[in-house]
Amino acid sequence: MVTGQRCSPCASILLVRKGGGGGGHDGGEPRSPSPCPLPSTMWPCVRWLHSLLALLCSAVLTWGQNCPASCLCPDPHTVDCSGRELTRLPDAIPLDVRRLLLSDNWIPWIPSDFLVLYSDLVYLDLRNNSLSQIEPGTLSTSSRLVFLDLSCNNLTEIPSGTFGQSRSLIKLRLGNNTFLSVVSKDAFRGLTSLRELELEWNGLFYLDVGVLSQLPSLRAVRLEGNPWVCNCRFAKLFTWLMENRQKLPTGIEGMECSLPTNGRRVALSQLSEDSFRKCQDTLTLTDYLIVIFSGVAVSVAAIIASFFLASTVHCFQRWSKASKADDEESDG
């Protein structure tokens, strides 16, 4: 009797009693085992194994067929084109790629519609290429992108709208771009999940503190190695750094700036808010513009008022003369 669904071979041995219709065989001698028919309860197990084997064989036969030329695909969702001396993005990248490795090549630019078709992409490595700019909106369609590495390139500016609304982005690496000297105040607006930002060893003299304060999930930021200038424009950033020391992996000691008087480099740990006390009495460019605009507005208003007053006086004088002439004619 068969109990349960067990996929095991039948190994019973039939014994023939002595004197039975054994055709001269001695009783108790073993016969050759007869074929053991599969019980009906085992057929579901056999069908399941058959389907599994067919699926595995199909996967093995089609493995790597969609992999771009000169690249490696260690798994169905990873494309590794690192160190292939590519001068442009590879062709025939699978649409369901999740990890795309393009580091250590000579890629000079990314088409603005590059990520439109790769909606499953979560990891993009473009470090150590020849990228000089990222067009605004290029990365705005990467709704699932979590990791982006653009370090060791030739970027010069990060303008507003570069990353769009990449709300899933957690780590952004922009370090070691020697010519990167401008980061727009709204460059990272919308990156509400960004936790790690790397801007070390670039060419930044100044960074608007709003770039950092608008990142609610920021836990670590690297800013060391930049040619910061300790002037009044740097004062607000210095205050933010002192208040958020825990977010600096290398600490405040790992950052330096140049004194505006003689260019001497000093560690930020040697400075304090008193070092920027004179900046509190110094007007910024915005303040100067407001003063100039206010002065121009007051001058224009004074001219208009003077013209109106002069016109009123002139009209009144003419009216007085006309009234006096009429009175004289009446008396005559």
Protein backbone atom coordinates (compact mmCIF):
# COMPACT_ATOMS: atom_id res chain seq x y z
CA MET A 1 0.00 0.00 0.00
CA VAL A 2 1.27 3.48 -0.92
CA THR A 3 0.99 6.19 1.71
CA GLY A 4 1.35 9.84 0.62
CA GLN A 5 3.05 11.18 -2.52
CA ARG A 6 6.63 9.90 -2.34
CA CYS A 7 8.94 10.05 -5.35
CA SER A 8 10.99 6.93 -4.49
CA PRO A 9 11.73 3.84 -6.62
CA CYS A 10 10.12 0.53 -5.87
CA ALA A 11 12.77 -1.89 -4.60
CA SER A 12 10.71 -4.90 -3.45
CA ILE A 13 11.96 -8.40 -4.26
CA LEU A 14 9.49 -11.16 -4.98
CA LEU A 15 10.04 -14.51 -3.31
CA VAL A 16 8.57 -17.74 -4.57
CA ARG A 17 7.62 -20.35 -2.09
CA LYS A 18 8.96 -23.79 -2.41
CA GLY A 19 6.57 -26.01 -4.35
CA GLY A 20 4.83 -23.05 -5.87
CA GLY A 21 4.62 -22.63 -9.61
CA GLY A 22 8.19 -21.47 -9.69
CA GLY A 23 9.34 -23.69 -12.57
CA GLY A 24 12.06 -25.56 -10.64
CA HIS A 25 13.30 -22.72 -8.51
CA ASP A 26 14.06 -23.48 -4.91
CA GLY A 27 11.82 -21.78 -2.40
CA GLY A 28 13.19 -18.63 -0.92
CA GLU A 29 15.52 -17.86 -3.81
CA PRO A 30 15.26 -14.28 -5.04
CA ARG A 31 13.95 -13.55 -8.48
CA SER A 32 14.94 -10.64 -10.67
CA PRO A 33 12.88 -7.59 -9.64
CA SER A 34 9.95 -6.95 -11.86
CA PRO A 35 9.18 -3.44 -13.16
CA CYS A 36 7.47 -1.32 -10.54
CA PRO A 37 4.63 0.73 -12.05
CA LEU A 38 4.31 4.33 -10.85
CA PRO A 39 1.33 4.86 -8.59
CA SER A 40 -1.19 7.40 -9.81
CA THR A 41 -0.41 9.60 -6.81
CA MET A 42 3.16 10.17 -8.12
CA TRP A 43 2.21 11.64 -11.49
CA PRO A 44 1.82 15.24 -10.16
CA CYS A 45 5.37 15.03 -8.79
CA VAL A 46 6.73 13.78 -12.13
CA ARG A 47 4.96 16.53 -14.07
CA TRP A 48 6.32 19.21 -11.70
CA LEU A 49 9.89 17.91 -12.10
CA HIS A 50 9.47 17.82 -15.88
CA SER A 51 8.34 21.45 -15.94
CA LEU A 52 11.21 22.54 -13.69
CA LEU A 53 13.81 20.79 -15.85
CA ALA A 54 12.36 22.34 -19.01
CA LEU A 55 12.53 25.82 -17.45
CA LEU A 56 16.16 25.34 -16.33
CA CYS A 57 17.21 24.05 -19.73
CA SER A 58 15.57 27.03 -21.42
CA ALA A 59 17.39 29.46 -19.13
CA VAL A 60 20.74 27.78 -19.79
CA LEU A 61 20.27 27.78 -23.55
CA THR A 62 19.31 31.48 -23.69
CA TRP A 63 21.92 32.67 -21.13
CA GLY A 64 23.79 35.76 -22.35
CA GLN A 65 22.02 36.06 -25.71
CA ASN A 66 20.97 39.68 -24.95
CA CYS A 67 24.34 40.73 -23.57
CA PRO A 68 25.99 43.63 -25.48
CA ALA A 69 29.12 42.82 -27.43
CA SER A 70 32.39 43.11 -25.45
CA CYS A 71 30.43 43.19 -22.15
CA LEU A 72 29.79 40.61 -19.47
CA CYS A 73 26.43 39.63 -18.02
CA PRO A 74 27.03 37.66 -14.81
CA ASP A 75 23.29 37.47 -14.19
CA PRO A 76 20.15 38.29 -16.21
CA HIS A 77 19.83 41.81 -14.72
CA THR A 78 23.48 42.92 -14.68
CA VAL A 79 25.51 44.32 -17.59
CA ASP A 80 29.22 44.86 -16.89
CA CYS A 81 31.05 46.93 -19.53
CA SER A 82 33.79 48.23 -17.22
CA GLY A 83 37.25 48.83 -18.66
CA ARG A 84 36.32 48.08 -22.30
CA GLU A 85 37.72 51.34 -23.74
CA LEU A 86 34.25 52.31 -24.95
CA THR A 87 33.86 55.72 -26.58
CA ARG A 88 30.07 55.61 -26.50
CA LEU A 89 27.31 53.76 -24.75
CA PRO A 90 26.99 50.12 -25.84
CA ASP A 91 24.17 48.98 -28.08
CA ALA A 92 21.51 46.39 -27.32
CA ILE A 93 21.42 46.87 -23.55
CA PRO A 94 18.61 44.67 -22.18
CA LEU A 95 15.55 46.71 -21.26
CA ASP A 96 15.22 44.94 -17.90
CA VAL A 97 18.76 45.75 -16.76
CA ARG A 98 19.04 46.73 -13.12
CA ARG A 99 22.81 47.12 -12.65
CA LEU A 100 24.74 48.86 -15.42
CA LEU A 101 28.52 49.12 -14.94
CA LEU A 102 30.28 51.48 -17.38
CA SER A 103 33.29 52.63 -15.37
CA ASP A 104 36.85 53.07 -16.68
CA ASN A 105 35.94 53.93 -20.27
CA TRP A 106 36.10 57.03 -22.52
CA ILE A 107 32.38 57.83 -22.77
CA PRO A 108 32.04 61.62 -23.39
CA TRP A 109 28.29 62.13 -23.10
CA ILE A 110 24.92 60.57 -22.27
CA PRO A 111 21.90 61.06 -24.55
CA SER A 112 19.11 62.97 -22.84
CA ASP A 113 16.67 60.09 -23.51
CA PHE A 114 19.05 57.34 -22.42
CA LEU A 115 17.14 56.26 -19.31
CA VAL A 116 13.65 56.50 -20.76
CA LEU A 117 13.55 52.81 -21.67
CA TYR A 118 15.39 51.48 -18.60
CA SER A 119 12.73 51.92 -15.97
CA ASP A 120 14.11 49.04 -13.81
CA LEU A 121 17.61 50.50 -13.50
CA VAL A 122 18.66 50.91 -9.85
CA TYR A 123 22.49 51.00 -10.07
CA LEU A 124 24.45 53.09 -12.60
CA ASP A 125 28.25 53.35 -12.46
CA LEU A 126 29.85 55.90 -14.85
CA ARG A 127 32.96 56.76 -12.88
CA ASN A 128 36.28 57.45 -14.58
CA ASN A 129 34.94 58.43 -18.01
CA SER A 130 35.15 61.64 -20.07
CA LEU A 131 31.78 63.19 -19.24
CA SER A 132 31.94 66.98 -19.39
CA GLN A 133 28.27 67.74 -18.77
CA ILE A 134 24.95 66.15 -17.91
CA GLU A 135 22.04 67.71 -19.76
CA PRO A 136 19.15 68.77 -17.50
CA GLY A 137 16.43 66.13 -17.49
CA THR A 138 18.72 63.26 -18.49
CA LEU A 139 18.28 61.55 -15.13
CA SER A 140 14.76 62.81 -14.41
CA THR A 141 13.16 59.61 -15.74
CA SER A 142 15.16 57.30 -13.47
CA SER A 143 12.37 56.73 -10.98
CA ARG A 144 13.99 53.63 -9.41
CA LEU A 145 17.65 54.69 -9.50
CA VAL A 146 19.22 54.21 -6.07
CA PHE A 147 22.97 54.51 -6.75
CA LEU A 148 24.66 56.88 -9.22
CA ASP A 149 28.43 57.29 -9.61
CA LEU A 150 29.69 60.19 -11.76
CA SER A 151 33.02 60.62 -10.02
CA CYS A 152 36.37 61.00 -11.80
CA ASN A 153 34.97 62.70 -14.90
CA ASN A 154 35.37 66.15 -16.47
CA LEU A 155 32.17 67.75 -15.20
CA THR A 156 32.31 71.54 -14.85
CA GLU A 157 28.83 72.41 -13.59
CA ILE A 158 25.78 70.81 -11.99
CA PRO A 159 22.86 72.98 -13.18
CA SER A 160 19.30 73.06 -11.88
CA GLY A 161 17.12 70.16 -12.98
CA THR A 162 20.00 67.77 -13.61
CA PHE A 163 18.48 65.02 -11.49
CA GLY A 164 14.82 65.99 -11.87
CA GLN A 165 12.65 64.22 -9.35
CA SER A 166 14.81 61.14 -8.69
CA ARG A 167 13.14 60.53 -5.36
CA SER A 168 14.61 57.01 -4.99
CA LEU A 169 18.24 58.12 -5.25
CA ILE A 170 20.09 57.28 -2.03
CA LYS A 171 23.79 57.67 -2.90
CA LEU A 172 25.25 60.22 -5.35
CA ARG A 173 28.99 60.34 -6.08
CA LEU A 174 30.34 63.49 -7.80
CA GLY A 175 33.84 63.61 -6.37
CA ASN A 176 37.16 63.98 -8.18
CA ASN A 177 35.79 66.16 -10.97
CA THR A 178 38.71 68.58 -10.99
CA PHE A 179 36.95 71.21 -13.11
CA LEU A 180 33.63 71.15 -11.24
CA SER A 181 33.36 74.68 -9.83
CA VAL A 182 29.62 75.48 -9.99
CA VAL A 183 26.76 73.68 -8.26
CA SER A 184 23.40 75.38 -8.70
CA LYS A 185 21.35 76.05 -5.59
CA ASP A 186 18.54 73.86 -6.95
CA ALA A 187 20.80 71.16 -8.42
CA PHE A 188 19.59 68.54 -5.93
CA ARG A 189 16.04 69.75 -5.40
CA GLY A 190 13.61 66.85 -5.24
CA LEU A 191 16.14 64.27 -4.02
CA THR A 192 14.18 63.62 -0.86
CA SER A 193 15.73 60.17 -0.22
CA LEU A 194 19.38 61.14 -0.77
CA ARG A 195 21.48 60.01 2.20
CA GLU A 196 25.05 60.21 0.91
CA LEU A 197 26.47 63.02 -1.23
CA GLU A 198 30.11 63.12 -2.33
CA LEU A 199 31.58 66.40 -3.63
CA GLU A 200 35.16 65.93 -2.50
CA TRP A 201 38.27 66.93 -4.47
CA ASN A 202 36.49 69.15 -6.98
CA GLY A 203 37.15 72.78 -7.90
CA LEU A 204 34.55 74.37 -5.62
CA PHE A 205 35.40 77.81 -4.21
CA TYR A 206 31.87 78.40 -2.96
CA LEU A 207 28.70 76.40 -2.31
CA ASP A 208 25.30 77.85 -1.46
CA VAL A 209 24.19 76.39 1.86
CA GLY A 210 20.74 75.87 0.37
CA VAL A 211 22.17 73.01 -1.69
CA LEU A 212 22.59 70.99 1.51
CA SER A 213 19.75 72.30 3.66
CA GLN A 214 17.12 71.17 1.13
CA LEU A 215 18.12 67.49 1.49
CA PRO A 216 15.98 66.18 4.39
CA SER A 217 17.45 62.65 4.44
CA LEU A 218 21.12 63.63 4.16
CA ARG A 219 23.33 61.68 6.56
CA ALA A 220 26.80 62.03 5.07
CA VAL A 221 28.44 64.65 2.84
CA ARG A 222 32.05 64.80 1.68
CA LEU A 223 33.43 68.26 0.87
CA GLU A 224 37.15 67.94 1.62
CA GLY A 225 39.81 68.68 -0.97
CA ASN A 226 38.07 71.69 -2.55
CA PRO A 227 39.81 75.09 -2.85
CA TRP A 228 37.38 76.86 -0.51
CA VAL A 229 37.92 80.58 0.10
CA CYS A 230 37.21 81.84 3.63
CA ASN A 231 35.35 85.00 2.64
CA CYS A 232 31.91 86.29 3.56
CA ARG A 233 30.25 84.08 0.93
CA PHE A 234 31.66 81.06 2.79
CA ALA A 235 30.37 82.21 6.18
CA LYS A 236 26.93 80.57 5.96
CA LEU A 237 28.39 77.28 4.75
CA PHE A 238 30.89 77.36 7.62
CA THR A 239 28.03 77.79 10.11
CA TRP A 240 26.17 74.84 8.56
CA LEU A 241 29.29 72.66 8.73
CA MET A 242 29.85 73.47 12.38
CA GLU A 243 26.23 72.59 13.18
CA ASN A 244 26.35 69.33 11.18
CA ARG A 245 29.76 67.94 12.04
CA GLN A 246 28.32 64.46 12.47
CA LYS A 247 27.54 64.36 8.75
CA LEU A 248 31.19 64.83 7.74
CA PRO A 249 32.92 61.41 7.45
CA THR A 250 36.39 62.99 7.61
CA GLY A 251 35.38 65.55 10.23
CA ILE A 252 35.81 69.30 10.16
CA GLU A 253 39.56 68.71 10.54
CA GLY A 254 39.73 67.30 7.02
CA MET A 255 38.65 70.57 5.39
CA GLU A 256 40.71 73.64 4.59
CA CYS A 257 40.12 77.07 3.08
CA SER A 258 42.25 79.93 1.79
CA LEU A 259 42.39 83.25 3.61
CA PRO A 260 41.28 86.08 1.29
CA THR A 261 44.13 88.33 2.43
CA ASN A 262 47.22 86.24 1.68
CA GLY A 263 45.84 82.96 0.27
CA ARG A 264 47.25 80.91 3.13
CA ARG A 265 45.49 77.58 3.65
CA VAL A 266 44.07 76.98 7.13
CA ALA A 267 42.09 74.12 8.61
CA LEU A 268 38.46 74.90 9.38
CA SER A 269 39.06 73.55 12.86
CA GLN A 270 41.21 76.65 13.50
CA LEU A 271 38.34 79.00 12.66
CA SER A 272 35.20 80.00 14.53
CA GLU A 273 32.14 82.11 13.89
CA ASP A 274 34.09 85.08 15.27
CA SER A 275 36.38 84.73 12.25
CA PHE A 276 33.46 85.87 10.10
CA ARG A 277 32.12 88.55 12.46
CA LYS A 278 32.97 91.34 10.00
CA CYS A 279 30.68 89.69 7.46
CA GLN A 280 27.68 90.52 9.62
CA ASP A 281 28.23 94.22 8.90
CA THR A 282 28.99 93.69 5.23
CA LEU A 283 26.30 94.06 2.60
CA THR A 284 25.92 91.27 0.11
CA LEU A 285 25.34 91.71 -3.61
CA THR A 286 21.61 91.23 -3.03
CA ASP A 287 21.64 93.95 -0.41
CA TYR A 288 23.38 96.33 -2.79
CA LEU A 289 20.86 95.58 -5.52
CA ILE A 290 17.98 96.24 -3.15
CA VAL A 291 19.49 99.57 -2.11
CA ILE A 292 20.08 100.60 -5.73
CA PHE A 293 16.60 99.55 -6.80
CA SER A 294 15.04 101.36 -3.86
CA GLY A 295 16.98 104.53 -4.69
CA VAL A 296 15.94 104.41 -8.35
CA ALA A 297 12.31 103.81 -7.40
CA VAL A 298 12.32 106.73 -4.96
CA SER A 299 13.93 109.00 -7.58
CA VAL A 300 11.36 108.07 -10.22
CA ALA A 301 8.52 108.61 -7.76
CA ALA A 302 9.95 112.04 -6.80
CA ILE A 303 10.21 113.08 -10.48
CA ILE A 304 6.64 112.01 -11.17
CA ALA A 305 5.39 113.85 -8.07
CA SER A 306 7.31 117.00 -9.02
CA PHE A 307 5.93 116.91 -12.56
CA PHE A 308 2.38 116.47 -11.26
CA LEU A 309 2.82 119.31 -8.76
CA ALA A 310 4.29 121.64 -11.38
CA SER A 311 1.45 120.85 -13.79
CA THR A 312 -1.09 121.55 -11.05
CA VAL A 313 0.50 124.91 -10.17
CA HIS A 314 0.70 125.89 -13.82
CA CYS A 315 -2.96 125.07 -14.39
CA PHE A 316 -3.96 126.95 -11.25
CA GLN A 317 -2.04 130.06 -12.37
CA ARG A 318 -3.68 130.00 -15.80
CA TRP A 319 -7.08 129.58 -14.20
CA SER A 320 -6.40 132.54 -11.84
CA LYS A 321 -5.37 134.82 -14.73
CA ALA A 322 -8.43 133.85 -16.72
CA SER A 323 -10.70 134.56 -13.77
CA LYS A 324 -9.09 137.97 -13.16
CA ALA A 325 -9.50 138.94 -16.84
CA ASP A 326 -13.16 138.00 -16.76
CA ASP A 327 -13.71 140.13 -13.65
CA GLU A 328 -12.11 143.17 -15.26
CA GLU A 329 -14.25 142.81 -18.39
CA SER A 330 -17.33 142.62 -16.21
CA ASP A 331 -16.41 145.83 -14.34
CA GLY A 332 -15.71 147.65 -17.61
